[in-house]
Each structure stands twice: as structure tokens, then as C-alpha cells.
Amino acid sequence: MSKFIFTLPEAAAKKGIQSVGGKYNFKDGKLVVEEDIARKIKKVLTTFHGCTVSQEKTPVAEKNVPAPEDAVLSKTATKATKGH
């Protein structure tokens, strides 16, 4: 599941931990939550507190690409399996 980042407006952002609306604890003006929680709190934080929302970038998993020598079938390998 992806994560979302809520960012307080610059005027409201302070260093350290701050509570918004008595429920949401921002650290250095940012709050990172899972997607299901973001859906529930998005309207309140964006409408009433002026937060912006962005999706956290997740690193792209490296594709499992075989080495070139693994991808090539030799004649001996195909002859050995041909009879089966």
C-alpha cells in the first residue's frame, strides 16, 4: 500500500512535532500516513487546515533480468531435453 504525505502551509509549519486539530501530529510540517487513512483525513486537512497532499515515491523494484549467458540455450542443453 502506498503512503501519502500531508504538508502544512509554510505559515503554519514549525520545526518539531505539532498537533493539528488535536488528532494529527505533524513532524517538521509533514504527516506520513497509509493510503486508507489518507482517504479518511484528506478532506479535513486540506479544507480546514490548508495542507497539501502528495504521494510518497516508492523505489521501483529492480526487474529480475537474467544475465546474458543464462538466457542463451546451448545446443547440448536443447539436445539433452529433446528426448524427454
C-alpha atoms as a PDB file:
ATOM      1  CA  MET A   1       0.000   0.000   0.000  1.00  0.00           C
ATOM      2  CA  SER A   2       1.323   3.422  -0.843  1.00  0.00           C
ATOM      3  CA  LYS A   3       1.883   6.226   1.623  1.00  0.00           C
ATOM      4  CA  PHE A   4       0.734   9.816   1.408  1.00  0.00           C
ATOM      5  CA  ILE A   5       2.383  12.938   2.791  1.00  0.00           C
ATOM      6  CA  PHE A   6       0.327  15.830   4.143  1.00  0.00           C
ATOM      7  CA  THR A   7       2.296  19.077   4.308  1.00  0.00           C
ATOM      8  CA  LEU A   8       1.247  22.083   6.380  1.00  0.00           C
ATOM      9  CA  PRO A   9       1.341  25.525   4.762  1.00  0.00           C
ATOM     10  CA  GLU A  10       4.605  27.401   5.316  1.00  0.00           C
ATOM     11  CA  ALA A  11       2.939  29.884   7.660  1.00  0.00           C
ATOM     12  CA  ALA A  12       1.811  27.062   9.966  1.00  0.00           C
ATOM     13  CA  ALA A  13       4.841  24.812   9.656  1.00  0.00           C
ATOM     14  CA  LYS A  14       7.221  24.806  12.583  1.00  0.00           C
ATOM     15  CA  LYS A  15      10.169  22.653  13.441  1.00  0.00           C
ATOM     16  CA  GLY A  16       9.485  19.750  15.759  1.00  0.00           C
ATOM     17  CA  ILE A  17       6.219  17.950  16.438  1.00  0.00           C
ATOM     18  CA  GLN A  18       2.969  19.840  16.323  1.00  0.00           C
ATOM     19  CA  SER A  19      -0.613  18.748  16.776  1.00  0.00           C
ATOM     20  CA  VAL A  20      -3.298  19.881  14.337  1.00  0.00           C
ATOM     21  CA  GLY A  21      -6.942  19.595  15.268  1.00  0.00           C
ATOM     22  CA  GLY A  22      -5.991  17.687  18.407  1.00  0.00           C
ATOM     23  CA  LYS A  23      -5.629  14.475  16.375  1.00  0.00           C
ATOM     24  CA  TYR A  24      -2.886  14.790  13.808  1.00  0.00           C
ATOM     25  CA  ASN A  25       0.758  15.018  14.869  1.00  0.00           C
ATOM     26  CA  PHE A  26       2.958  16.606  12.222  1.00  0.00           C
ATOM     27  CA  LYS A  27       6.729  16.408  12.425  1.00  0.00           C
ATOM     28  CA  ASP A  28       8.552  19.324  10.800  1.00  0.00           C
ATOM     29  CA  GLY A  29       5.331  20.243   8.995  1.00  0.00           C
ATOM     30  CA  LYS A  30       4.773  16.774   7.479  1.00  0.00           C
ATOM     31  CA  LEU A  31       2.495  13.841   8.273  1.00  0.00           C
ATOM     32  CA  VAL A  32       3.037  10.488   6.525  1.00  0.00           C
ATOM     33  CA  VAL A  33       0.122   8.025   6.559  1.00  0.00           C
ATOM     34  CA  GLU A  34      -1.069   4.920   4.733  1.00  0.00           C
ATOM     35  CA  GLU A  35      -3.481   5.283   1.809  1.00  0.00           C
ATOM     36  CA  ASP A  36      -6.584   4.107   3.705  1.00  0.00           C
ATOM     37  CA  ILE A  37      -6.003   6.658   6.485  1.00  0.00           C
ATOM     38  CA  ALA A  38      -5.226   9.404   3.952  1.00  0.00           C
ATOM     39  CA  ARG A  39      -8.633   8.919   2.355  1.00  0.00           C
ATOM     40  CA  LYS A  40     -10.344   9.451   5.712  1.00  0.00           C
ATOM     41  CA  ILE A  41      -8.453  12.579   6.783  1.00  0.00           C
ATOM     42  CA  LYS A  42      -7.780  14.273   3.434  1.00  0.00           C
ATOM     43  CA  LYS A  43     -10.878  16.476   3.372  1.00  0.00           C
ATOM     44  CA  VAL A  44     -10.342  17.819   6.892  1.00  0.00           C
ATOM     45  CA  LEU A  45      -6.641  18.557   6.489  1.00  0.00           C
ATOM     46  CA  THR A  46      -6.885  20.095   3.017  1.00  0.00           C
ATOM     47  CA  THR A  47     -10.104  22.077   3.501  1.00  0.00           C
ATOM     48  CA  PHE A  48      -9.774  23.352   7.064  1.00  0.00           C
ATOM     49  CA  HIS A  49      -6.019  23.379   7.649  1.00  0.00           C
ATOM     50  CA  GLY A  50      -4.713  24.180   4.139  1.00  0.00           C
ATOM     51  CA  CYS A  51      -2.490  21.111   3.835  1.00  0.00           C
ATOM     52  CA  THR A  52      -1.226  19.841   0.531  1.00  0.00           C
ATOM     53  CA  VAL A  53      -1.114  16.129  -0.282  1.00  0.00           C
ATOM     54  CA  SER A  54       1.460  14.176  -2.241  1.00  0.00           C
ATOM     55  CA  GLN A  55       2.145  10.508  -2.726  1.00  0.00           C
ATOM     56  CA  GLU A  56       5.381   9.173  -1.314  1.00  0.00           C
ATOM     57  CA  LYS A  57       7.705   7.931  -4.002  1.00  0.00           C
ATOM     58  CA  THR A  58       8.430   4.262  -3.626  1.00  0.00           C
ATOM     59  CA  PRO A  59      11.610   2.847  -5.094  1.00  0.00           C
ATOM     60  CA  VAL A  60      10.980   0.830  -8.223  1.00  0.00           C
ATOM     61  CA  ALA A  61      11.871  -2.786  -7.682  1.00  0.00           C
ATOM     62  CA  GLU A  62      14.627  -3.969  -9.926  1.00  0.00           C
ATOM     63  CA  LYS A  63      13.469  -6.354 -12.577  1.00  0.00           C
ATOM     64  CA  ASN A  64      14.875  -9.830 -12.340  1.00  0.00           C
ATOM     65  CA  VAL A  65      16.665  -9.831 -15.683  1.00  0.00           C
ATOM     66  CA  PRO A  66      18.751 -12.921 -16.323  1.00  0.00           C
ATOM     67  CA  ALA A  67      22.382 -12.498 -17.214  1.00  0.00           C
ATOM     68  CA  PRO A  68      23.037 -12.830 -20.966  1.00  0.00           C
ATOM     69  CA  GLU A  69      24.783 -16.193 -20.582  1.00  0.00           C
ATOM     70  CA  ASP A  70      21.766 -17.570 -18.689  1.00  0.00           C
ATOM     71  CA  ALA A  71      19.355 -16.524 -21.424  1.00  0.00           C
ATOM     72  CA  VAL A  72      21.126 -18.395 -24.228  1.00  0.00           C
ATOM     73  CA  LEU A  73      20.379 -22.082 -24.759  1.00  0.00           C
ATOM     74  CA  SER A  74      23.270 -24.121 -25.999  1.00  0.00           C
ATOM     75  CA  LYS A  75      22.848 -26.947 -28.497  1.00  0.00           C
ATOM     76  CA  THR A  76      23.847 -29.505 -25.870  1.00  0.00           C
ATOM     77  CA  ALA A  77      21.211 -28.274 -23.435  1.00  0.00           C
ATOM     78  CA  THR A  78      18.445 -28.496 -26.037  1.00  0.00           C
ATOM     79  CA  LYS A  79      19.547 -31.928 -27.263  1.00  0.00           C
ATOM     80  CA  ALA A  80      19.503 -33.300 -23.719  1.00  0.00           C
ATOM     81  CA  THR A  81      15.920 -32.207 -23.105  1.00  0.00           C
ATOM     82  CA  LYS A  82      14.644 -33.081 -26.597  1.00  0.00           C
ATOM     83  CA  GLY A  83      14.234 -36.780 -25.808  1.00  0.00           C
ATOM     84  CA  HIS A  84      12.108 -36.214 -22.683  1.00  0.00           C
END
